[in-house]
Amino acid sequence: MGAVSAHFLNTWNARQGSFDAGIIYLTSVLIGGSRTFVGSVLGGMVFTALPEVLRGMATIQGLPLWLAQFLRDGRLIIFGLLIVVGTIFFPQGLVTPELLKKWKKGDRTSV
């Protein structure tokens, strides 16, 4: 991921390759699906937006303070749980080549 990032940004430094960024990349590929380009892209889109969604949920009125704090700052814990649960229940990711073949054929009833 660093090589792609360096290509588009024309530079690379140690701050761009932080632990947080590595966890987001890992989660995107594992949950989206490492065998397809579409799975990784969809995973990247979802897990790039997820921290912002969690921060937005933290501002909901009536939430206990501890839950709002966890939603705002506990994204790496949530990502870790998603990695563990995702690899147990979806070892090949959510988007697999077989799913894409069914989607292209027009058999969308099993999706």
PDB file of N, CA and C in Angstrom:
ATOM      1  N   MET A   1       0.814  -1.176   0.000  1.00  0.00           N
ATOM      2  CA  MET A   1       0.000   0.000   0.000  1.00  0.00           C
ATOM      3  C   MET A   1       0.866   1.252   0.000  1.00  0.00           C
ATOM      4  N   GLY A   2       2.022   1.180   0.611  1.00  0.00           N
ATOM      5  CA  GLY A   2       2.909   2.328   0.648  1.00  0.00           C
ATOM      6  C   GLY A   2       3.392   2.721  -0.730  1.00  0.00           C
ATOM      7  N   ALA A   3       3.635   1.731  -1.593  1.00  0.00           N
ATOM      8  CA  ALA A   3       4.112   2.032  -2.941  1.00  0.00           C
ATOM      9  C   ALA A   3       3.037   2.749  -3.750  1.00  0.00           C
ATOM     10  N   VAL A   4       1.805   2.331  -3.619  1.00  0.00           N
ATOM     11  CA  VAL A   4       0.715   2.988  -4.331  1.00  0.00           C
ATOM     12  C   VAL A   4       0.526   4.407  -3.807  1.00  0.00           C
ATOM     13  N   SER A   5       0.566   4.547  -2.499  1.00  0.00           N
ATOM     14  CA  SER A   5       0.412   5.865  -1.892  1.00  0.00           C
ATOM     15  C   SER A   5       1.543   6.798  -2.308  1.00  0.00           C
ATOM     16  N   ALA A   6       2.759   6.308  -2.316  1.00  0.00           N
ATOM     17  CA  ALA A   6       3.907   7.125  -2.710  1.00  0.00           C
ATOM     18  C   ALA A   6       3.803   7.542  -4.173  1.00  0.00           C
ATOM     19  N   HIS A   7       3.280   6.660  -5.005  1.00  0.00           N
ATOM     20  CA  HIS A   7       3.116   6.988  -6.422  1.00  0.00           C
ATOM     21  C   HIS A   7       2.146   8.157  -6.605  1.00  0.00           C
ATOM     22  N   PHE A   8       1.024   8.113  -5.913  1.00  0.00           N
ATOM     23  CA  PHE A   8       0.018   9.161  -6.082  1.00  0.00           C
ATOM     24  C   PHE A   8       0.374  10.454  -5.357  1.00  0.00           C
ATOM     25  N   LEU A   9       1.084  10.354  -4.245  1.00  0.00           N
ATOM     26  CA  LEU A   9       1.432  11.552  -3.481  1.00  0.00           C
ATOM     27  C   LEU A   9       2.798  12.122  -3.863  1.00  0.00           C
ATOM     28  N   ASN A  10       3.562  11.390  -4.666  1.00  0.00           N
ATOM     29  CA  ASN A  10       4.912  11.769  -5.093  1.00  0.00           C
ATOM     30  C   ASN A  10       5.895  11.884  -3.942  1.00  0.00           C
ATOM     31  N   THR A  11       5.539  11.382  -2.795  1.00  0.00           N
ATOM     32  CA  THR A  11       6.435  11.387  -1.633  1.00  0.00           C
ATOM     33  C   THR A  11       5.953  10.331  -0.644  1.00  0.00           C
ATOM     34  N   TRP A  12       6.798  10.025   0.290  1.00  0.00           N
ATOM     35  CA  TRP A  12       6.424   9.071   1.339  1.00  0.00           C
ATOM     36  C   TRP A  12       7.239   9.379   2.576  1.00  0.00           C
ATOM     37  N   ASN A  13       6.574   9.412   3.706  1.00  0.00           N
ATOM     38  CA  ASN A  13       7.298   9.560   4.970  1.00  0.00           C
ATOM     39  C   ASN A  13       6.679   8.639   6.007  1.00  0.00           C
ATOM     40  N   ALA A  14       7.333   8.541   7.140  1.00  0.00           N
ATOM     41  CA  ALA A  14       6.923   7.565   8.147  1.00  0.00           C
ATOM     42  C   ALA A  14       5.551   7.882   8.735  1.00  0.00           C
ATOM     43  N   ARG A  15       5.139   9.113   8.774  1.00  0.00           N
ATOM     44  CA  ARG A  15       3.834   9.453   9.348  1.00  0.00           C
ATOM     45  C   ARG A  15       2.679   8.970   8.489  1.00  0.00           C
ATOM     46  N   GLN A  16       2.891   8.832   7.203  1.00  0.00           N
ATOM     47  CA  GLN A  16       1.819   8.356   6.338  1.00  0.00           C
ATOM     48  C   GLN A  16       1.573   6.860   6.527  1.00  0.00           C
ATOM     49  N   GLY A  17       2.552   6.138   6.955  1.00  0.00           N
ATOM     50  CA  GLY A  17       2.413   4.705   7.170  1.00  0.00           C
ATOM     51  C   GLY A  17       2.184   4.380   8.628  1.00  0.00           C
ATOM     52  N   SER A  18       1.228   5.038   9.253  1.00  0.00           N
ATOM     53  CA  SER A  18       0.985   4.857  10.679  1.00  0.00           C
ATOM     54  C   SER A  18       0.302   3.520  10.955  1.00  0.00           C
ATOM     55  N   PHE A  19       0.252   3.170  12.216  1.00  0.00           N
ATOM     56  CA  PHE A  19      -0.401   1.938  12.639  1.00  0.00           C
ATOM     57  C   PHE A  19      -1.887   1.980  12.300  1.00  0.00           C
ATOM     58  N   ASP A  20      -2.515   3.127  12.508  1.00  0.00           N
ATOM     59  CA  ASP A  20      -3.938   3.279  12.182  1.00  0.00           C
ATOM     60  C   ASP A  20      -4.193   3.006  10.700  1.00  0.00           C
ATOM     61  N   ALA A  21      -3.366   3.565   9.838  1.00  0.00           N
ATOM     62  CA  ALA A  21      -3.539   3.359   8.400  1.00  0.00           C
ATOM     63  C   ALA A  21      -3.347   1.882   8.041  1.00  0.00           C
ATOM     64  N   GLY A  22      -2.378   1.233   8.660  1.00  0.00           N
ATOM     65  CA  GLY A  22      -2.150  -0.188   8.393  1.00  0.00           C
ATOM     66  C   GLY A  22      -3.333  -1.051   8.788  1.00  0.00           C
ATOM     67  N   ILE A  23      -3.947  -0.731   9.925  1.00  0.00           N
ATOM     68  CA  ILE A  23      -5.121  -1.483  10.373  1.00  0.00           C
ATOM     69  C   ILE A  23      -6.299  -1.252   9.422  1.00  0.00           C
ATOM     70  N   ILE A  24      -6.470  -0.029   8.962  1.00  0.00           N
ATOM     71  CA  ILE A  24      -7.555   0.253   8.018  1.00  0.00           C
ATOM     72  C   ILE A  24      -7.337  -0.511   6.713  1.00  0.00           C
ATOM     73  N   TYR A  25      -6.099  -0.532   6.203  1.00  0.00           N
ATOM     74  CA  TYR A  25      -5.804  -1.277   4.966  1.00  0.00           C
ATOM     75  C   TYR A  25      -6.048  -2.772   5.157  1.00  0.00           C
ATOM     76  N   LEU A  26      -5.575  -3.306   6.274  1.00  0.00           N
ATOM     77  CA  LEU A  26      -5.741  -4.734   6.547  1.00  0.00           C
ATOM     78  C   LEU A  26      -7.215  -5.097   6.648  1.00  0.00           C
ATOM     79  N   THR A  27      -7.979  -4.304   7.374  1.00  0.00           N
ATOM     80  CA  THR A  27      -9.406  -4.579   7.520  1.00  0.00           C
ATOM     81  C   THR A  27     -10.118  -4.493   6.186  1.00  0.00           C
ATOM     82  N   SER A  28      -9.759  -3.510   5.384  1.00  0.00           N
ATOM     83  CA  SER A  28     -10.398  -3.338   4.076  1.00  0.00           C
ATOM     84  C   SER A  28     -10.217  -4.566   3.202  1.00  0.00           C
ATOM     85  N   VAL A  29      -9.012  -5.080   3.162  1.00  0.00           N
ATOM     86  CA  VAL A  29      -8.724  -6.226   2.296  1.00  0.00           C
ATOM     87  C   VAL A  29      -9.318  -7.510   2.864  1.00  0.00           C
ATOM     88  N   LEU A  30      -9.199  -7.727   4.170  1.00  0.00           N
ATOM     89  CA  LEU A  30      -9.706  -8.969   4.747  1.00  0.00           C
ATOM     90  C   LEU A  30     -11.223  -9.064   4.697  1.00  0.00           C
ATOM     91  N   ILE A  31     -11.898  -7.992   5.030  1.00  0.00           N
ATOM     92  CA  ILE A  31     -13.357  -8.041   5.050  1.00  0.00           C
ATOM     93  C   ILE A  31     -13.926  -7.910   3.644  1.00  0.00           C
ATOM     94  N   GLY A  32     -13.367  -7.030   2.828  1.00  0.00           N
ATOM     95  CA  GLY A  32     -13.867  -6.853   1.463  1.00  0.00           C
ATOM     96  C   GLY A  32     -13.635  -8.065   0.594  1.00  0.00           C
ATOM     97  N   GLY A  33     -12.485  -8.660   0.716  1.00  0.00           N
ATOM     98  CA  GLY A  33     -12.153  -9.829  -0.101  1.00  0.00           C
ATOM     99  C   GLY A  33     -10.830  -9.624  -0.800  1.00  0.00           C
ATOM    100  N   SER A  34      -9.875 -10.471  -0.511  1.00  0.00           N
ATOM    101  CA  SER A  34      -8.534 -10.305  -1.072  1.00  0.00           C
ATOM    102  C   SER A  34      -8.392 -10.932  -2.456  1.00  0.00           C
ATOM    103  N   ARG A  35      -9.376 -11.699  -2.892  1.00  0.00           N
ATOM    104  CA  ARG A  35      -9.265 -12.380  -4.177  1.00  0.00           C
ATOM    105  C   ARG A  35      -9.834 -11.571  -5.334  1.00  0.00           C
ATOM    106  N   THR A  36     -10.499 -10.463  -5.031  1.00  0.00           N
ATOM    107  CA  THR A  36     -11.076  -9.638  -6.083  1.00  0.00           C
ATOM    108  C   THR A  36     -10.703  -8.180  -5.857  1.00  0.00           C
ATOM    109  N   PHE A  37     -10.557  -7.469  -6.952  1.00  0.00           N
ATOM    110  CA  PHE A  37     -10.266  -6.039  -6.879  1.00  0.00           C
ATOM    111  C   PHE A  37     -11.468  -5.276  -6.331  1.00  0.00           C
ATOM    112  N   VAL A  38     -12.661  -5.686  -6.739  1.00  0.00           N
ATOM    113  CA  VAL A  38     -13.886  -5.017  -6.304  1.00  0.00           C
ATOM    114  C   VAL A  38     -14.058  -5.130  -4.788  1.00  0.00           C
ATOM    115  N   GLY A  39     -13.756  -6.291  -4.233  1.00  0.00           N
ATOM    116  CA  GLY A  39     -13.889  -6.488  -2.795  1.00  0.00           C
ATOM    117  C   GLY A  39     -12.971  -5.574  -2.002  1.00  0.00           C
ATOM    118  N   SER A  40     -11.743  -5.455  -2.440  1.00  0.00           N
ATOM    119  CA  SER A  40     -10.803  -4.579  -1.749  1.00  0.00           C
ATOM    120  C   SER A  40     -11.199  -3.115  -1.861  1.00  0.00           C
ATOM    121  N   VAL A  41     -11.700  -2.724  -3.022  1.00  0.00           N
ATOM    122  CA  VAL A  41     -12.122  -1.332  -3.210  1.00  0.00           C
ATOM    123  C   VAL A  41     -13.348  -1.029  -2.355  1.00  0.00           C
ATOM    124  N   LEU A  42     -14.334  -1.926  -2.365  1.00  0.00           N
ATOM    125  CA  LEU A  42     -15.520  -1.711  -1.534  1.00  0.00           C
ATOM    126  C   LEU A  42     -15.159  -1.707  -0.051  1.00  0.00           C
ATOM    127  N   GLY A  43     -14.280  -2.619   0.357  1.00  0.00           N
ATOM    128  CA  GLY A  43     -13.822  -2.630   1.736  1.00  0.00           C
ATOM    129  C   GLY A  43     -13.110  -1.341   2.100  1.00  0.00           C
ATOM    130  N   GLY A  44     -12.290  -0.841   1.186  1.00  0.00           N
ATOM    131  CA  GLY A  44     -11.591   0.419   1.427  1.00  0.00           C
ATOM    132  C   GLY A  44     -12.544   1.582   1.573  1.00  0.00           C
ATOM    133  N   MET A  45     -13.580   1.615   0.744  1.00  0.00           N
ATOM    134  CA  MET A  45     -14.551   2.701   0.836  1.00  0.00           C
ATOM    135  C   MET A  45     -15.313   2.644   2.162  1.00  0.00           C
ATOM    136  N   VAL A  46     -15.732   1.448   2.544  1.00  0.00           N
ATOM    137  CA  VAL A  46     -16.505   1.299   3.778  1.00  0.00           C
ATOM    138  C   VAL A  46     -15.649   1.626   4.995  1.00  0.00           C
ATOM    139  N   PHE A  47     -14.442   1.091   5.045  1.00  0.00           N
ATOM    140  CA  PHE A  47     -13.620   1.266   6.248  1.00  0.00           C
ATOM    141  C   PHE A  47     -12.875   2.589   6.289  1.00  0.00           C
ATOM    142  N   THR A  48     -12.905   3.335   5.202  1.00  0.00           N
ATOM    143  CA  THR A  48     -12.422   4.709   5.263  1.00  0.00           C
ATOM    144  C   THR A  48     -13.512   5.611   5.828  1.00  0.00           C
ATOM    145  N   ALA A  49     -14.756   5.315   5.505  1.00  0.00           N
ATOM    146  CA  ALA A  49     -15.878   6.125   5.995  1.00  0.00           C
ATOM    147  C   ALA A  49     -16.317   5.736   7.400  1.00  0.00           C
ATOM    148  N   LEU A  50     -16.024   4.517   7.836  1.00  0.00           N
ATOM    149  CA  LEU A  50     -16.510   4.035   9.132  1.00  0.00           C
ATOM    150  C   LEU A  50     -16.093   4.899  10.323  1.00  0.00           C
ATOM    151  N   PRO A  51     -14.846   5.379  10.421  1.00  0.00           N
ATOM    152  CA  PRO A  51     -14.516   6.235  11.573  1.00  0.00           C
ATOM    153  C   PRO A  51     -15.361   7.508  11.627  1.00  0.00           C
ATOM    154  N   GLU A  52     -15.678   8.066  10.480  1.00  0.00           N
ATOM    155  CA  GLU A  52     -16.503   9.274  10.460  1.00  0.00           C
ATOM    156  C   GLU A  52     -17.943   8.956  10.871  1.00  0.00           C
ATOM    157  N   VAL A  53     -18.441   7.807  10.452  1.00  0.00           N
ATOM    158  CA  VAL A  53     -19.786   7.386  10.852  1.00  0.00           C
ATOM    159  C   VAL A  53     -19.834   7.172  12.363  1.00  0.00           C
ATOM    160  N   LEU A  54     -18.797   6.534  12.911  1.00  0.00           N
ATOM    161  CA  LEU A  54     -18.760   6.306  14.360  1.00  0.00           C
ATOM    162  C   LEU A  54     -18.686   7.621  15.123  1.00  0.00           C
ATOM    163  N   ARG A  55     -17.904   8.576  14.621  1.00  0.00           N
ATOM    164  CA  ARG A  55     -17.844   9.893  15.278  1.00  0.00           C
ATOM    165  C   ARG A  55     -19.198  10.588  15.228  1.00  0.00           C
ATOM    166  N   GLY A  56     -19.902  10.450  14.116  1.00  0.00           N
ATOM    167  CA  GLY A  56     -21.235  11.028  14.001  1.00  0.00           C
ATOM    168  C   GLY A  56     -22.223  10.382  14.955  1.00  0.00           C
ATOM    169  N   MET A  57     -22.114   9.057  15.118  1.00  0.00           N
ATOM    170  CA  MET A  57     -22.992   8.362  16.060  1.00  0.00           C
ATOM    171  C   MET A  57     -22.706   8.771  17.495  1.00  0.00           C
ATOM    172  N   ALA A  58     -21.480   9.191  17.777  1.00  0.00           N
ATOM    173  CA  ALA A  58     -21.113   9.587  19.137  1.00  0.00           C
ATOM    174  C   ALA A  58     -21.784  10.883  19.557  1.00  0.00           C
ATOM    175  N   THR A  59     -22.294  11.649  18.598  1.00  0.00           N
ATOM    176  CA  THR A  59     -22.936  12.915  18.929  1.00  0.00           C
ATOM    177  C   THR A  59     -24.442  12.783  19.130  1.00  0.00           C
ATOM    178  N   ILE A  60     -24.976  11.580  19.065  1.00  0.00           N
ATOM    179  CA  ILE A  60     -26.409  11.357  19.262  1.00  0.00           C
ATOM    180  C   ILE A  60     -26.769  11.703  20.707  1.00  0.00           C
ATOM    181  N   GLN A  61     -27.821  12.453  20.860  1.00  0.00           N
ATOM    182  CA  GLN A  61     -28.269  12.858  22.186  1.00  0.00           C
ATOM    183  C   GLN A  61     -28.790  11.644  22.964  1.00  0.00           C
ATOM    184  N   GLY A  62     -28.507  11.601  24.237  1.00  0.00           N
ATOM    185  CA  GLY A  62     -29.011  10.545  25.096  1.00  0.00           C
ATOM    186  C   GLY A  62     -28.095   9.346  25.236  1.00  0.00           C
ATOM    187  N   LEU A  63     -26.994   9.319  24.513  1.00  0.00           N
ATOM    188  CA  LEU A  63     -26.049   8.210  24.666  1.00  0.00           C
ATOM    189  C   LEU A  63     -25.282   8.378  25.977  1.00  0.00           C
ATOM    190  N   PRO A  64     -25.022   7.278  26.659  1.00  0.00           N
ATOM    191  CA  PRO A  64     -24.161   7.386  27.844  1.00  0.00           C
ATOM    192  C   PRO A  64     -22.778   7.914  27.448  1.00  0.00           C
ATOM    193  N   LEU A  65     -22.139   8.606  28.361  1.00  0.00           N
ATOM    194  CA  LEU A  65     -20.848   9.229  28.072  1.00  0.00           C
ATOM    195  C   LEU A  65     -19.795   8.198  27.678  1.00  0.00           C
ATOM    196  N   TRP A  66     -19.788   7.047  28.346  1.00  0.00           N
ATOM    197  CA  TRP A  66     -18.779   6.029  28.041  1.00  0.00           C
ATOM    198  C   TRP A  66     -18.957   5.483  26.627  1.00  0.00           C
ATOM    199  N   LEU A  67     -20.223   5.338  26.183  1.00  0.00           N
ATOM    200  CA  LEU A  67     -20.472   4.817  24.839  1.00  0.00           C
ATOM    201  C   LEU A  67     -20.092   5.841  23.776  1.00  0.00           C
ATOM    202  N   ALA A  68     -20.404   7.113  24.033  1.00  0.00           N
ATOM    203  CA  ALA A  68     -20.017   8.158  23.090  1.00  0.00           C
ATOM    204  C   ALA A  68     -18.502   8.240  22.968  1.00  0.00           C
ATOM    205  N   GLN A  69     -17.796   8.130  24.089  1.00  0.00           N
ATOM    206  CA  GLN A  69     -16.332   8.164  24.072  1.00  0.00           C
ATOM    207  C   GLN A  69     -15.770   6.957  23.313  1.00  0.00           C
ATOM    208  N   PHE A  70     -16.375   5.788  23.519  1.00  0.00           N
ATOM    209  CA  PHE A  70     -15.904   4.589  22.829  1.00  0.00           C
ATOM    210  C   PHE A  70     -16.134   4.690  21.329  1.00  0.00           C
ATOM    211  N   LEU A  71     -17.288   5.202  20.918  1.00  0.00           N
ATOM    212  CA  LEU A  71     -17.565   5.351  19.486  1.00  0.00           C
ATOM    213  C   LEU A  71     -16.618   6.344  18.840  1.00  0.00           C
ATOM    214  N   ARG A  72     -16.226   7.368  19.588  1.00  0.00           N
ATOM    215  CA  ARG A  72     -15.346   8.394  19.045  1.00  0.00           C
ATOM    216  C   ARG A  72     -13.893   7.918  18.980  1.00  0.00           C
ATOM    217  N   ASP A  73     -13.421   7.202  20.007  1.00  0.00           N
ATOM    218  CA  ASP A  73     -11.997   6.877  20.099  1.00  0.00           C
ATOM    219  C   ASP A  73     -11.666   5.394  19.969  1.00  0.00           C
ATOM    220  N   GLY A  74     -12.646   4.520  19.975  1.00  0.00           N
ATOM    221  CA  GLY A  74     -12.374   3.090  19.988  1.00  0.00           C
ATOM    222  C   GLY A  74     -12.428   2.425  18.637  1.00  0.00           C
ATOM    223  N   ARG A  75     -12.116   3.158  17.583  1.00  0.00           N
ATOM    224  CA  ARG A  75     -12.258   2.586  16.241  1.00  0.00           C
ATOM    225  C   ARG A  75     -11.297   1.432  15.996  1.00  0.00           C
ATOM    226  N   LEU A  76     -10.100   1.472  16.575  1.00  0.00           N
ATOM    227  CA  LEU A  76      -9.170   0.361  16.349  1.00  0.00           C
ATOM    228  C   LEU A  76      -9.651  -0.912  17.034  1.00  0.00           C
ATOM    229  N   ILE A  77     -10.320  -0.769  18.166  1.00  0.00           N
ATOM    230  CA  ILE A  77     -10.903  -1.941  18.828  1.00  0.00           C
ATOM    231  C   ILE A  77     -12.033  -2.501  17.968  1.00  0.00           C
ATOM    232  N   ILE A  78     -12.861  -1.622  17.426  1.00  0.00           N
ATOM    233  CA  ILE A  78     -13.957  -2.061  16.560  1.00  0.00           C
ATOM    234  C   ILE A  78     -13.401  -2.717  15.302  1.00  0.00           C
ATOM    235  N   PHE A  79     -12.356  -2.144  14.719  1.00  0.00           N
ATOM    236  CA  PHE A  79     -11.730  -2.743  13.534  1.00  0.00           C
ATOM    237  C   PHE A  79     -11.147  -4.115  13.875  1.00  0.00           C
ATOM    238  N   GLY A  80     -10.519  -4.243  15.032  1.00  0.00           N
ATOM    239  CA  GLY A  80      -9.971  -5.533  15.457  1.00  0.00           C
ATOM    240  C   GLY A  80     -11.051  -6.583  15.598  1.00  0.00           C
ATOM    241  N   LEU A  81     -12.172  -6.198  16.195  1.00  0.00           N
ATOM    242  CA  LEU A  81     -13.292  -7.135  16.318  1.00  0.00           C
ATOM    243  C   LEU A  81     -13.838  -7.528  14.947  1.00  0.00           C
ATOM    244  N   LEU A  82     -13.912  -6.567  14.041  1.00  0.00           N
ATOM    245  CA  LEU A  82     -14.379  -6.877  12.688  1.00  0.00           C
ATOM    246  C   LEU A  82     -13.421  -7.826  11.969  1.00  0.00           C
ATOM    247  N   ILE A  83     -12.120  -7.658  12.189  1.00  0.00           N
ATOM    248  CA  ILE A  83     -11.144  -8.574  11.577  1.00  0.00           C
ATOM    249  C   ILE A  83     -11.345  -9.984  12.098  1.00  0.00           C
ATOM    250  N   VAL A  84     -11.482 -10.132  13.417  1.00  0.00           N
ATOM    251  CA  VAL A  84     -11.637 -11.466  14.008  1.00  0.00           C
ATOM    252  C   VAL A  84     -12.940 -12.105  13.562  1.00  0.00           C
ATOM    253  N   VAL A  85     -14.049 -11.382  13.694  1.00  0.00           N
ATOM    254  CA  VAL A  85     -15.359 -11.935  13.323  1.00  0.00           C
ATOM    255  C   VAL A  85     -15.425 -12.186  11.815  1.00  0.00           C
ATOM    256  N   GLY A  86     -14.889 -11.259  11.027  1.00  0.00           N
ATOM    257  CA  GLY A  86     -14.923 -11.418   9.580  1.00  0.00           C
ATOM    258  C   GLY A  86     -14.125 -12.612   9.091  1.00  0.00           C
ATOM    259  N   THR A  87     -12.953 -12.845   9.671  1.00  0.00           N
ATOM    260  CA  THR A  87     -12.156 -13.983   9.222  1.00  0.00           C
ATOM    261  C   THR A  87     -12.724 -15.310   9.701  1.00  0.00           C
ATOM    262  N   ILE A  88     -13.493 -15.295  10.773  1.00  0.00           N
ATOM    263  CA  ILE A  88     -14.133 -16.531  11.221  1.00  0.00           C
ATOM    264  C   ILE A  88     -15.318 -16.879  10.318  1.00  0.00           C
ATOM    265  N   PHE A  89     -16.196 -15.906  10.080  1.00  0.00           N
ATOM    266  CA  PHE A  89     -17.425 -16.183   9.336  1.00  0.00           C
ATOM    267  C   PHE A  89     -17.292 -15.994   7.824  1.00  0.00           C
ATOM    268  N   PHE A  90     -16.376 -15.139   7.383  1.00  0.00           N
ATOM    269  CA  PHE A  90     -16.161 -14.894   5.949  1.00  0.00           C
ATOM    270  C   PHE A  90     -14.668 -15.001   5.640  1.00  0.00           C
ATOM    271  N   PRO A  91     -14.116 -16.210   5.614  1.00  0.00           N
ATOM    272  CA  PRO A  91     -12.658 -16.346   5.446  1.00  0.00           C
ATOM    273  C   PRO A  91     -12.136 -15.830   4.109  1.00  0.00           C
ATOM    274  N   GLN A  92     -12.969 -15.780   3.068  1.00  0.00           N
ATOM    275  CA  GLN A  92     -12.522 -15.265   1.773  1.00  0.00           C
ATOM    276  C   GLN A  92     -12.986 -13.835   1.540  1.00  0.00           C
ATOM    277  N   GLY A  93     -13.606 -13.223   2.532  1.00  0.00           N
ATOM    278  CA  GLY A  93     -14.118 -11.870   2.387  1.00  0.00           C
ATOM    279  C   GLY A  93     -15.571 -11.881   1.960  1.00  0.00           C
ATOM    280  N   LEU A  94     -16.162 -10.711   1.921  1.00  0.00           N
ATOM    281  CA  LEU A  94     -17.570 -10.611   1.543  1.00  0.00           C
ATOM    282  C   LEU A  94     -17.776 -10.707   0.039  1.00  0.00           C
ATOM    283  N   VAL A  95     -16.827 -10.223  -0.743  1.00  0.00           N
ATOM    284  CA  VAL A  95     -16.943 -10.264  -2.202  1.00  0.00           C
ATOM    285  C   VAL A  95     -15.960 -11.311  -2.728  1.00  0.00           C
ATOM    286  N   THR A  96     -16.498 -12.413  -3.212  1.00  0.00           N
ATOM    287  CA  THR A  96     -15.665 -13.498  -3.733  1.00  0.00           C
ATOM    288  C   THR A  96     -15.839 -13.580  -5.253  1.00  0.00           C
ATOM    289  N   PRO A  97     -14.916 -14.234  -5.945  1.00  0.00           N
ATOM    290  CA  PRO A  97     -15.084 -14.396  -7.399  1.00  0.00           C
ATOM    291  C   PRO A  97     -16.370 -15.130  -7.767  1.00  0.00           C
ATOM    292  N   GLU A  98     -16.782 -16.100  -6.953  1.00  0.00           N
ATOM    293  CA  GLU A  98     -18.016 -16.827  -7.234  1.00  0.00           C
ATOM    294  C   GLU A  98     -19.223 -15.892  -7.149  1.00  0.00           C
ATOM    295  N   LEU A  99     -19.222 -14.993  -6.177  1.00  0.00           N
ATOM    296  CA  LEU A  99     -20.309 -14.030  -6.037  1.00  0.00           C
ATOM    297  C   LEU A  99     -20.364 -13.091  -7.234  1.00  0.00           C
ATOM    298  N   LEU A 100     -19.202 -12.668  -7.707  1.00  0.00           N
ATOM    299  CA  LEU A 100     -19.173 -11.792  -8.881  1.00  0.00           C
ATOM    300  C   LEU A 100     -19.661 -12.513 -10.133  1.00  0.00           C
ATOM    301  N   LYS A 101     -19.330 -13.817 -10.271  1.00  0.00           N
ATOM    302  CA  LYS A 101     -19.813 -14.583 -11.426  1.00  0.00           C
ATOM    303  C   LYS A 101     -21.332 -14.695 -11.408  1.00  0.00           C
ATOM    304  N   LYS A 102     -21.903 -14.956 -10.222  1.00  0.00           N
ATOM    305  CA  LYS A 102     -23.358 -15.020 -10.101  1.00  0.00           C
ATOM    306  C   LYS A 102     -23.979 -13.672 -10.425  1.00  0.00           C
ATOM    307  N   TRP A 103     -23.345 -12.594  -9.967  1.00  0.00           N
ATOM    308  CA  TRP A 103     -23.868 -11.257 -10.195  1.00  0.00           C
ATOM    309  C   TRP A 103     -23.852 -10.911 -11.692  1.00  0.00           C
ATOM    310  N   LYS A 104     -22.775 -11.315 -12.382  1.00  0.00           N
ATOM    311  CA  LYS A 104     -22.676 -11.027 -13.816  1.00  0.00           C
ATOM    312  C   LYS A 104     -23.676 -11.845 -14.632  1.00  0.00           C
ATOM    313  N   LYS A 105     -23.960 -13.076 -14.196  1.00  0.00           N
ATOM    314  CA  LYS A 105     -24.922 -13.919 -14.904  1.00  0.00           C
ATOM    315  C   LYS A 105     -26.344 -13.389 -14.771  1.00  0.00           C
ATOM    316  N   GLY A 106     -26.595 -12.645 -13.733  1.00  0.00           N
ATOM    317  CA  GLY A 106     -27.941 -12.137 -13.512  1.00  0.00           C
ATOM    318  C   GLY A 106     -28.687 -12.887 -12.432  1.00  0.00           C
ATOM    319  N   ASP A 107     -28.043 -13.860 -11.792  1.00  0.00           N
ATOM    320  CA  ASP A 107     -28.675 -14.625 -10.704  1.00  0.00           C
ATOM    321  C   ASP A 107     -28.479 -13.855  -9.397  1.00  0.00           C
ATOM    322  N   ARG A 108     -29.308 -12.862  -9.179  1.00  0.00           N
ATOM    323  CA  ARG A 108     -29.137 -12.001  -8.009  1.00  0.00           C
ATOM    324  C   ARG A 108     -30.053 -12.423  -6.858  1.00  0.00           C
ATOM    325  N   THR A 109     -30.698 -13.545  -6.969  1.00  0.00           N
ATOM    326  CA  THR A 109     -31.620 -13.981  -5.910  1.00  0.00           C
ATOM    327  C   THR A 109     -30.867 -14.503  -4.696  1.00  0.00           C
ATOM    328  N   SER A 110     -29.674 -15.069  -4.883  1.00  0.00           N
ATOM    329  CA  SER A 110     -28.940 -15.645  -3.747  1.00  0.00           C
ATOM    330  C   SER A 110     -28.038 -14.637  -3.065  1.00  0.00           C
ATOM    331  N   VAL A 111     -28.026 -13.388  -3.521  1.00  0.00           N
ATOM    332  CA  VAL A 111     -27.148 -12.367  -2.932  1.00  0.00           C
ATOM    333  C   VAL A 111     -27.817 -11.730  -1.761  1.00  0.00           C
TER     334      VAL A 111
END
